[in-house]
């Protein structure tokens, strides 16, 4: 049982950390770039339309990232034994 003042160490595998970062940051970035690109392909690149398309793409990418990270990387909890030699606690 943890008590106030106890040291807690959190370990994350590098590959899982990279996967989680990709799932969080890539969809909004792709949406931000794809929105204006689609307008340019359609020939509608006048005025504020590219800015609005970028904002819509960013918002859509953020929603995709939110859903993707919710279903994403499973978390495993593991209790570790203290190495400080304190045997007074059970």
PDB file of N, CA and C in Angstrom:
ATOM      1  N   UNK A   1       0.847  -1.177   0.000  1.00  0.00           N
ATOM      2  CA  UNK A   1       0.000   0.000   0.000  1.00  0.00           C
ATOM      3  C   UNK A   1       0.889   1.235   0.000  1.00  0.00           C
ATOM      4  N   UNK A   2       0.587   2.168  -0.853  1.00  0.00           N
ATOM      5  CA  UNK A   2       1.351   3.406  -0.919  1.00  0.00           C
ATOM      6  C   UNK A   2       0.881   4.381   0.146  1.00  0.00           C
ATOM      7  N   UNK A   3       1.833   5.114   0.642  1.00  0.00           N
ATOM      8  CA  UNK A   3       1.534   6.126   1.626  1.00  0.00           C
ATOM      9  C   UNK A   3       2.179   7.422   1.186  1.00  0.00           C
ATOM     10  N   UNK A   4       1.721   8.546   1.700  1.00  0.00           N
ATOM     11  CA  UNK A   4       2.328   9.822   1.324  1.00  0.00           C
ATOM     12  C   UNK A   4       3.833   9.817   1.588  1.00  0.00           C
ATOM     13  N   UNK A   5       4.584  10.273   0.608  1.00  0.00           N
ATOM     14  CA  UNK A   5       6.035  10.302   0.733  1.00  0.00           C
ATOM     15  C   UNK A   5       6.735   9.130   0.078  1.00  0.00           C
ATOM     16  N   UNK A   6       5.990   8.064  -0.282  1.00  0.00           N
ATOM     17  CA  UNK A   6       6.587   6.913  -0.963  1.00  0.00           C
ATOM     18  C   UNK A   6       7.011   7.305  -2.377  1.00  0.00           C
ATOM     19  N   UNK A   7       8.089   6.720  -2.833  1.00  0.00           N
ATOM     20  CA  UNK A   7       8.575   6.964  -4.182  1.00  0.00           C
ATOM     21  C   UNK A   7       7.873   6.028  -5.152  1.00  0.00           C
ATOM     22  N   UNK A   8       7.416   6.578  -6.266  1.00  0.00           N
ATOM     23  CA  UNK A   8       6.740   5.800  -7.290  1.00  0.00           C
ATOM     24  C   UNK A   8       7.514   5.961  -8.587  1.00  0.00           C
ATOM     25  N   UNK A   9       7.851   4.847  -9.224  1.00  0.00           N
ATOM     26  CA  UNK A   9       8.547   4.880 -10.503  1.00  0.00           C
ATOM     27  C   UNK A   9       7.599   4.413 -11.598  1.00  0.00           C
ATOM     28  N   UNK A  10       7.603   5.143 -12.708  1.00  0.00           N
ATOM     29  CA  UNK A  10       6.767   4.781 -13.838  1.00  0.00           C
ATOM     30  C   UNK A  10       7.689   4.402 -14.982  1.00  0.00           C
ATOM     31  N   UNK A  11       7.501   3.204 -15.518  1.00  0.00           N
ATOM     32  CA  UNK A  11       8.305   2.740 -16.644  1.00  0.00           C
ATOM     33  C   UNK A  11       7.410   2.586 -17.858  1.00  0.00           C
ATOM     34  N   UNK A  12       7.878   3.107 -18.992  1.00  0.00           N
ATOM     35  CA  UNK A  12       7.141   3.002 -20.242  1.00  0.00           C
ATOM     36  C   UNK A  12       8.089   2.473 -21.299  1.00  0.00           C
ATOM     37  N   UNK A  13       7.677   1.433 -21.995  1.00  0.00           N
ATOM     38  CA  UNK A  13       8.463   0.888 -23.078  1.00  0.00           C
ATOM     39  C   UNK A  13       8.568   1.936 -24.183  1.00  0.00           C
ATOM     40  N   UNK A  14       9.756   2.105 -24.762  1.00  0.00           N
ATOM     41  CA  UNK A  14       9.976   3.134 -25.776  1.00  0.00           C
ATOM     42  C   UNK A  14       9.069   2.963 -26.982  1.00  0.00           C
ATOM     43  N   UNK A  15       8.860   1.737 -27.421  1.00  0.00           N
ATOM     44  CA  UNK A  15       8.017   1.519 -28.598  1.00  0.00           C
ATOM     45  C   UNK A  15       6.562   1.898 -28.311  1.00  0.00           C
ATOM     46  N   UNK A  16       6.082   1.627 -27.123  1.00  0.00           N
ATOM     47  CA  UNK A  16       4.710   2.009 -26.771  1.00  0.00           C
ATOM     48  C   UNK A  16       4.570   3.517 -26.640  1.00  0.00           C
ATOM     49  N   UNK A  17       5.591   4.168 -26.138  1.00  0.00           N
ATOM     50  CA  UNK A  17       5.563   5.614 -26.029  1.00  0.00           C
ATOM     51  C   UNK A  17       5.533   6.256 -27.417  1.00  0.00           C
ATOM     52  N   UNK A  18       6.342   5.730 -28.338  1.00  0.00           N
ATOM     53  CA  UNK A  18       6.350   6.242 -29.700  1.00  0.00           C
ATOM     54  C   UNK A  18       5.016   5.997 -30.384  1.00  0.00           C
ATOM     55  N   UNK A  19       4.439   4.825 -30.194  1.00  0.00           N
ATOM     56  CA  UNK A  19       3.137   4.512 -30.772  1.00  0.00           C
ATOM     57  C   UNK A  19       2.060   5.456 -30.240  1.00  0.00           C
ATOM     58  N   UNK A  20       2.078   5.706 -28.964  1.00  0.00           N
ATOM     59  CA  UNK A  20       1.085   6.604 -28.373  1.00  0.00           C
ATOM     60  C   UNK A  20       1.257   8.029 -28.901  1.00  0.00           C
ATOM     61  N   UNK A  21       2.493   8.487 -29.060  1.00  0.00           N
ATOM     62  CA  UNK A  21       2.733   9.828 -29.601  1.00  0.00           C
ATOM     63  C   UNK A  21       2.265   9.922 -31.045  1.00  0.00           C
ATOM     64  N   UNK A  22       2.512   8.887 -31.841  1.00  0.00           N
ATOM     65  CA  UNK A  22       2.055   8.880 -33.236  1.00  0.00           C
ATOM     66  C   UNK A  22       0.535   8.888 -33.307  1.00  0.00           C
ATOM     67  N   UNK A  23      -0.109   8.104 -32.464  1.00  0.00           N
ATOM     68  CA  UNK A  23      -1.572   8.065 -32.467  1.00  0.00           C
ATOM     69  C   UNK A  23      -2.163   9.400 -32.032  1.00  0.00           C
ATOM     70  N   UNK A  24      -1.464  10.137 -31.218  1.00  0.00           N
ATOM     71  CA  UNK A  24      -1.984  11.398 -30.714  1.00  0.00           C
ATOM     72  C   UNK A  24      -1.716  12.560 -31.664  1.00  0.00           C
ATOM     73  N   UNK A  25      -0.528  12.615 -32.277  1.00  0.00           N
ATOM     74  CA  UNK A  25      -0.136  13.794 -33.036  1.00  0.00           C
ATOM     75  C   UNK A  25      -0.285  13.671 -34.547  1.00  0.00           C
ATOM     76  N   UNK A  26      -0.242  12.474 -35.117  1.00  0.00           N
ATOM     77  CA  UNK A  26      -0.296  12.355 -36.576  1.00  0.00           C
ATOM     78  C   UNK A  26      -1.661  12.681 -37.188  1.00  0.00           C
ATOM     79  N   UNK A  27      -2.786  12.217 -36.651  1.00  0.00           N
ATOM     80  CA  UNK A  27      -4.062  12.569 -37.291  1.00  0.00           C
ATOM     81  C   UNK A  27      -4.333  14.072 -37.368  1.00  0.00           C
ATOM     82  N   UNK A  28      -4.122  14.862 -36.303  1.00  0.00           N
ATOM     83  CA  UNK A  28      -4.345  16.304 -36.451  1.00  0.00           C
ATOM     84  C   UNK A  28      -3.393  16.955 -37.466  1.00  0.00           C
ATOM     85  N   UNK A  29      -2.141  16.487 -37.501  1.00  0.00           N
ATOM     86  CA  UNK A  29      -1.191  17.043 -38.460  1.00  0.00           C
ATOM     87  C   UNK A  29      -1.614  16.725 -39.884  1.00  0.00           C
ATOM     88  N   UNK A  30      -2.037  15.487 -40.123  1.00  0.00           N
ATOM     89  CA  UNK A  30      -2.497  15.097 -41.466  1.00  0.00           C
ATOM     90  C   UNK A  30      -3.738  15.890 -41.860  1.00  0.00           C
ATOM     91  N   UNK A  31      -4.658  16.085 -40.932  1.00  0.00           N
ATOM     92  CA  UNK A  31      -5.852  16.884 -41.213  1.00  0.00           C
ATOM     93  C   UNK A  31      -5.512  18.333 -41.512  1.00  0.00           C
ATOM     94  N   UNK A  32      -4.560  18.877 -40.771  1.00  0.00           N
ATOM     95  CA  UNK A  32      -4.139  20.259 -40.977  1.00  0.00           C
ATOM     96  C   UNK A  32      -3.552  20.455 -42.367  1.00  0.00           C
ATOM     97  N   UNK A  33      -2.833  19.471 -42.851  1.00  0.00           N
ATOM     98  CA  UNK A  33      -2.215  19.570 -44.178  1.00  0.00           C
ATOM     99  C   UNK A  33      -3.176  19.147 -45.291  1.00  0.00           C
ATOM    100  N   UNK A  34      -4.046  18.185 -45.022  1.00  0.00           N
ATOM    101  CA  UNK A  34      -4.923  17.652 -46.066  1.00  0.00           C
ATOM    102  C   UNK A  34      -6.062  18.610 -46.414  1.00  0.00           C
ATOM    103  N   UNK A  35      -6.554  19.372 -45.474  1.00  0.00           N
ATOM    104  CA  UNK A  35      -7.658  20.301 -45.744  1.00  0.00           C
ATOM    105  C   UNK A  35      -7.330  21.295 -46.848  1.00  0.00           C
ATOM    106  N   UNK A  36      -6.285  22.093 -46.698  1.00  0.00           N
ATOM    107  CA  UNK A  36      -5.929  23.030 -47.766  1.00  0.00           C
ATOM    108  C   UNK A  36      -5.479  22.335 -49.055  1.00  0.00           C
ATOM    109  N   UNK A  37      -4.861  21.173 -48.930  1.00  0.00           N
ATOM    110  CA  UNK A  37      -4.430  20.435 -50.123  1.00  0.00           C
ATOM    111  C   UNK A  37      -5.629  20.027 -50.972  1.00  0.00           C
ATOM    112  N   UNK A  38      -6.692  19.571 -50.334  1.00  0.00           N
ATOM    113  CA  UNK A  38      -7.894  19.199 -51.078  1.00  0.00           C
ATOM    114  C   UNK A  38      -8.519  20.404 -51.765  1.00  0.00           C
ATOM    115  N   UNK A  39      -8.501  21.557 -51.112  1.00  0.00           N
ATOM    116  CA  UNK A  39      -9.014  22.768 -51.752  1.00  0.00           C
ATOM    117  C   UNK A  39      -8.149  23.179 -52.939  1.00  0.00           C
ATOM    118  N   UNK A  40      -6.864  23.017 -52.799  1.00  0.00           N
ATOM    119  CA  UNK A  40      -5.960  23.380 -53.898  1.00  0.00           C
ATOM    120  C   UNK A  40      -6.186  22.468 -55.099  1.00  0.00           C
ATOM    121  N   UNK A  41      -6.377  21.190 -54.833  1.00  0.00           N
ATOM    122  CA  UNK A  41      -6.659  20.249 -55.919  1.00  0.00           C
ATOM    123  C   UNK A  41      -7.981  20.612 -56.608  1.00  0.00           C
ATOM    124  N   UNK A  42      -8.974  21.049 -55.838  1.00  0.00           N
ATOM    125  CA  UNK A  42     -10.270  21.428 -56.390  1.00  0.00           C
ATOM    126  C   UNK A  42     -10.234  22.806 -57.046  1.00  0.00           C
ATOM    127  N   UNK A  43      -9.154  23.563 -56.853  1.00  0.00           N
ATOM    128  CA  UNK A  43      -9.027  24.887 -57.452  1.00  0.00           C
ATOM    129  C   UNK A  43      -9.714  25.989 -56.673  1.00  0.00           C
ATOM    130  N   UNK A  44      -9.983  25.776 -55.417  1.00  0.00           N
ATOM    131  CA  UNK A  44     -10.676  26.765 -54.576  1.00  0.00           C
ATOM    132  C   UNK A  44      -9.736  27.355 -53.531  1.00  0.00           C
ATOM    133  N   UNK A  45      -8.644  27.924 -53.974  1.00  0.00           N
ATOM    134  CA  UNK A  45      -7.657  28.403 -53.011  1.00  0.00           C
ATOM    135  C   UNK A  45      -7.652  29.922 -52.849  1.00  0.00           C
ATOM    136  N   UNK A  46      -8.799  30.567 -52.980  1.00  0.00           N
ATOM    137  CA  UNK A  46      -8.890  32.016 -52.830  1.00  0.00           C
ATOM    138  C   UNK A  46      -9.447  32.382 -51.460  1.00  0.00           C
ATOM    139  N   UNK A  47      -9.031  33.532 -50.951  1.00  0.00           N
ATOM    140  CA  UNK A  47      -9.571  34.063 -49.706  1.00  0.00           C
ATOM    141  C   UNK A  47      -9.156  33.270 -48.482  1.00  0.00           C
ATOM    142  N   UNK A  48     -10.101  33.134 -47.568  1.00  0.00           N
ATOM    143  CA  UNK A  48      -9.830  32.460 -46.306  1.00  0.00           C
ATOM    144  C   UNK A  48     -10.199  30.987 -46.342  1.00  0.00           C
ATOM    145  N   UNK A  49     -10.598  30.493 -47.491  1.00  0.00           N
ATOM    146  CA  UNK A  49     -11.011  29.090 -47.599  1.00  0.00           C
ATOM    147  C   UNK A  49      -9.914  28.122 -47.156  1.00  0.00           C
ATOM    148  N   UNK A  50      -8.636  28.316 -47.555  1.00  0.00           N
ATOM    149  CA  UNK A  50      -7.607  27.382 -47.066  1.00  0.00           C
ATOM    150  C   UNK A  50      -7.442  27.400 -45.549  1.00  0.00           C
ATOM    151  N   UNK A  51      -7.603  28.569 -44.958  1.00  0.00           N
ATOM    152  CA  UNK A  51      -7.500  28.665 -43.499  1.00  0.00           C
ATOM    153  C   UNK A  51      -8.642  27.906 -42.821  1.00  0.00           C
ATOM    154  N   UNK A  52      -9.846  28.075 -43.349  1.00  0.00           N
ATOM    155  CA  UNK A  52     -10.993  27.349 -42.790  1.00  0.00           C
ATOM    156  C   UNK A  52     -10.855  25.844 -43.016  1.00  0.00           C
ATOM    157  N   UNK A  53     -10.343  25.455 -44.190  1.00  0.00           N
ATOM    158  CA  UNK A  53     -10.139  24.031 -44.466  1.00  0.00           C
ATOM    159  C   UNK A  53      -9.082  23.450 -43.529  1.00  0.00           C
ATOM    160  N   UNK A  54      -8.039  24.222 -43.236  1.00  0.00           N
ATOM    161  CA  UNK A  54      -7.006  23.759 -42.304  1.00  0.00           C
ATOM    162  C   UNK A  54      -7.583  23.583 -40.906  1.00  0.00           C
ATOM    163  N   UNK A  55      -8.422  24.533 -40.474  1.00  0.00           N
ATOM    164  CA  UNK A  55      -9.029  24.443 -39.146  1.00  0.00           C
ATOM    165  C   UNK A  55      -9.980  23.245 -39.067  1.00  0.00           C
ATOM    166  N   UNK A  56     -10.762  23.030 -40.120  1.00  0.00           N
ATOM    167  CA  UNK A  56     -11.676  21.873 -40.131  1.00  0.00           C
ATOM    168  C   UNK A  56     -10.894  20.562 -40.149  1.00  0.00           C
ATOM    169  N   UNK A  57      -9.821  20.513 -40.938  1.00  0.00           N
ATOM    170  CA  UNK A  57      -8.991  19.311 -40.978  1.00  0.00           C
ATOM    171  C   UNK A  57      -8.331  19.035 -39.640  1.00  0.00           C
ATOM    172  N   UNK A  58      -7.886  20.082 -38.973  1.00  0.00           N
ATOM    173  CA  UNK A  58      -7.278  19.939 -37.651  1.00  0.00           C
ATOM    174  C   UNK A  58      -8.291  19.413 -36.642  1.00  0.00           C
ATOM    175  N   UNK A  59      -9.503  19.966 -36.675  1.00  0.00           N
ATOM    176  CA  UNK A  59     -10.548  19.514 -35.749  1.00  0.00           C
ATOM    177  C   UNK A  59     -10.932  18.059 -36.018  1.00  0.00           C
ATOM    178  N   UNK A  60     -11.086  17.709 -37.283  1.00  0.00           N
ATOM    179  CA  UNK A  60     -11.418  16.326 -37.625  1.00  0.00           C
ATOM    180  C   UNK A  60     -10.290  15.381 -37.212  1.00  0.00           C
ATOM    181  N   UNK A  61      -9.049  15.792 -37.436  1.00  0.00           N
ATOM    182  CA  UNK A  61      -7.908  14.981 -37.021  1.00  0.00           C
ATOM    183  C   UNK A  61      -7.842  14.814 -35.511  1.00  0.00           C
ATOM    184  N   UNK A  62      -8.208  15.855 -34.780  1.00  0.00           N
ATOM    185  CA  UNK A  62      -8.221  15.763 -33.316  1.00  0.00           C
ATOM    186  C   UNK A  62      -9.278  14.771 -32.837  1.00  0.00           C
ATOM    187  N   UNK A  63     -10.437  14.763 -33.504  1.00  0.00           N
ATOM    188  CA  UNK A  63     -11.472  13.796 -33.140  1.00  0.00           C
ATOM    189  C   UNK A  63     -11.023  12.366 -33.442  1.00  0.00           C
ATOM    190  N   UNK A  64     -10.373  12.181 -34.588  1.00  0.00           N
ATOM    191  CA  UNK A  64      -9.852  10.859 -34.935  1.00  0.00           C
ATOM    192  C   UNK A  64      -8.810  10.418 -33.908  1.00  0.00           C
ATOM    193  N   UNK A  65      -7.910  11.320 -33.536  1.00  0.00           N
ATOM    194  CA  UNK A  65      -6.868  10.998 -32.552  1.00  0.00           C
ATOM    195  C   UNK A  65      -7.488  10.646 -31.204  1.00  0.00           C
ATOM    196  N   UNK A  66      -8.530  11.353 -30.825  1.00  0.00           N
ATOM    197  CA  UNK A  66      -9.179  11.066 -29.544  1.00  0.00           C
ATOM    198  C   UNK A  66      -9.772   9.660 -29.527  1.00  0.00           C
ATOM    199  N   UNK A  67     -10.490   9.306 -30.602  1.00  0.00           N
ATOM    200  CA  UNK A  67     -11.068   7.957 -30.669  1.00  0.00           C
ATOM    201  C   UNK A  67      -9.984   6.896 -30.740  1.00  0.00           C
ATOM    202  N   UNK A  68      -8.930   7.179 -31.508  1.00  0.00           N
ATOM    203  CA  UNK A  68      -7.862   6.205 -31.708  1.00  0.00           C
ATOM    204  C   UNK A  68      -7.090   5.957 -30.416  1.00  0.00           C
ATOM    205  N   UNK A  69      -6.829   7.007 -29.644  1.00  0.00           N
ATOM    206  CA  UNK A  69      -6.074   6.830 -28.407  1.00  0.00           C
ATOM    207  C   UNK A  69      -6.929   6.198 -27.313  1.00  0.00           C
ATOM    208  N   UNK A  70      -8.236   6.381 -27.363  1.00  0.00           N
ATOM    209  CA  UNK A  70      -9.100   5.718 -26.383  1.00  0.00           C
ATOM    210  C   UNK A  70      -9.038   4.209 -26.524  1.00  0.00           C
ATOM    211  N   UNK A  71      -8.989   3.738 -27.756  1.00  0.00           N
ATOM    212  CA  UNK A  71      -8.945   2.305 -28.019  1.00  0.00           C
ATOM    213  C   UNK A  71      -7.511   1.808 -28.120  1.00  0.00           C
ATOM    214  N   UNK A  72      -6.564   2.654 -27.800  1.00  0.00           N
ATOM    215  CA  UNK A  72      -5.171   2.427 -28.117  1.00  0.00           C
ATOM    216  C   UNK A  72      -4.388   1.488 -27.240  1.00  0.00           C
ATOM    217  N   UNK A  73      -3.296   1.975 -26.770  1.00  0.00           N
ATOM    218  CA  UNK A  73      -2.285   1.179 -26.100  1.00  0.00           C
ATOM    219  C   UNK A  73      -2.783   0.695 -24.744  1.00  0.00           C
ATOM    220  N   UNK A  74      -2.790  -0.622 -24.518  1.00  0.00           N
ATOM    221  CA  UNK A  74      -3.236  -1.136 -23.223  1.00  0.00           C
ATOM    222  C   UNK A  74      -2.229  -0.802 -22.117  1.00  0.00           C
ATOM    223  N   UNK A  75      -2.744  -0.586 -20.944  1.00  0.00           N
ATOM    224  CA  UNK A  75      -1.900  -0.250 -19.795  1.00  0.00           C
ATOM    225  C   UNK A  75      -1.816  -1.467 -18.887  1.00  0.00           C
ATOM    226  N   UNK A  76      -0.607  -1.799 -18.476  1.00  0.00           N
ATOM    227  CA  UNK A  76      -0.407  -2.915 -17.561  1.00  0.00           C
ATOM    228  C   UNK A  76       0.202  -2.383 -16.264  1.00  0.00           C
ATOM    229  N   UNK A  77      -0.375  -2.785 -15.164  1.00  0.00           N
ATOM    230  CA  UNK A  77       0.115  -2.368 -13.857  1.00  0.00           C
ATOM    231  C   UNK A  77       0.873  -3.519 -13.226  1.00  0.00           C
ATOM    232  N   UNK A  78       1.984  -3.182 -12.600  1.00  0.00           N
ATOM    233  CA  UNK A  78       2.779  -4.206 -11.927  1.00  0.00           C
ATOM    234  C   UNK A  78       3.357  -3.602 -10.657  1.00  0.00           C
ATOM    235  N   UNK A  79       3.103  -4.249  -9.544  1.00  0.00           N
ATOM    236  CA  UNK A  79       3.655  -3.782  -8.279  1.00  0.00           C
ATOM    237  C   UNK A  79       5.116  -4.201  -8.194  1.00  0.00           C
ATOM    238  N   UNK A  80       5.948  -3.299  -7.743  1.00  0.00           N
ATOM    239  CA  UNK A  80       7.360  -3.632  -7.605  1.00  0.00           C
ATOM    240  C   UNK A  80       7.729  -3.658  -6.131  1.00  0.00           C
ATOM    241  N   UNK A  81       8.740  -4.432  -5.810  1.00  0.00           N
ATOM    242  CA  UNK A  81       9.201  -4.506  -4.424  1.00  0.00           C
ATOM    243  C   UNK A  81      10.202  -3.389  -4.186  1.00  0.00           C
ATOM    244  N   UNK A  82      10.130  -2.811  -3.026  1.00  0.00           N
ATOM    245  CA  UNK A  82      11.042  -1.720  -2.690  1.00  0.00           C
ATOM    246  C   UNK A  82      12.461  -2.216  -2.496  1.00  0.00           C
ATOM    247  N   UNK A  83      13.411  -1.456  -2.983  1.00  0.00           N
ATOM    248  CA  UNK A  83      14.818  -1.842  -2.837  1.00  0.00           C
ATOM    249  C   UNK A  83      15.509  -1.057  -1.732  1.00  0.00           C
ATOM    250  N   UNK A  84      14.714  -0.317  -0.949  1.00  0.00           N
ATOM    251  CA  UNK A  84      15.320   0.496   0.103  1.00  0.00           C
ATOM    252  C   UNK A  84      15.563  -0.276   1.394  1.00  0.00           C
ATOM    253  N   UNK A  85      15.141  -1.550   1.435  1.00  0.00           N
ATOM    254  CA  UNK A  85      15.399  -2.376   2.603  1.00  0.00           C
ATOM    255  C   UNK A  85      14.459  -2.128   3.751  1.00  0.00           C
ATOM    256  N   UNK A  86      13.383  -1.402   3.515  1.00  0.00           N
ATOM    257  CA  UNK A  86      12.425  -1.117   4.574  1.00  0.00           C
ATOM    258  C   UNK A  86      11.513  -2.325   4.764  1.00  0.00           C
ATOM    259  N   UNK A  87      11.719  -3.064   5.830  1.00  0.00           N
ATOM    260  CA  UNK A  87      10.925  -4.272   6.086  1.00  0.00           C
ATOM    261  C   UNK A  87       9.859  -4.045   7.139  1.00  0.00           C
ATOM    262  N   UNK A  88       9.654  -2.809   7.562  1.00  0.00           N
ATOM    263  CA  UNK A  88       8.663  -2.548   8.588  1.00  0.00           C
ATOM    264  C   UNK A  88       7.247  -2.585   8.049  1.00  0.00           C
ATOM    265  N   UNK A  89       7.095  -2.419   6.705  1.00  0.00           N
ATOM    266  CA  UNK A  89       5.765  -2.459   6.115  1.00  0.00           C
ATOM    267  C   UNK A  89       5.523  -3.822   5.499  1.00  0.00           C
ATOM    268  N   UNK A  90       4.249  -4.245   5.532  1.00  0.00           N
ATOM    269  CA  UNK A  90       3.935  -5.567   4.934  1.00  0.00           C
ATOM    270  C   UNK A  90       3.983  -5.537   3.422  1.00  0.00           C
TER     271      UNK A  90
END
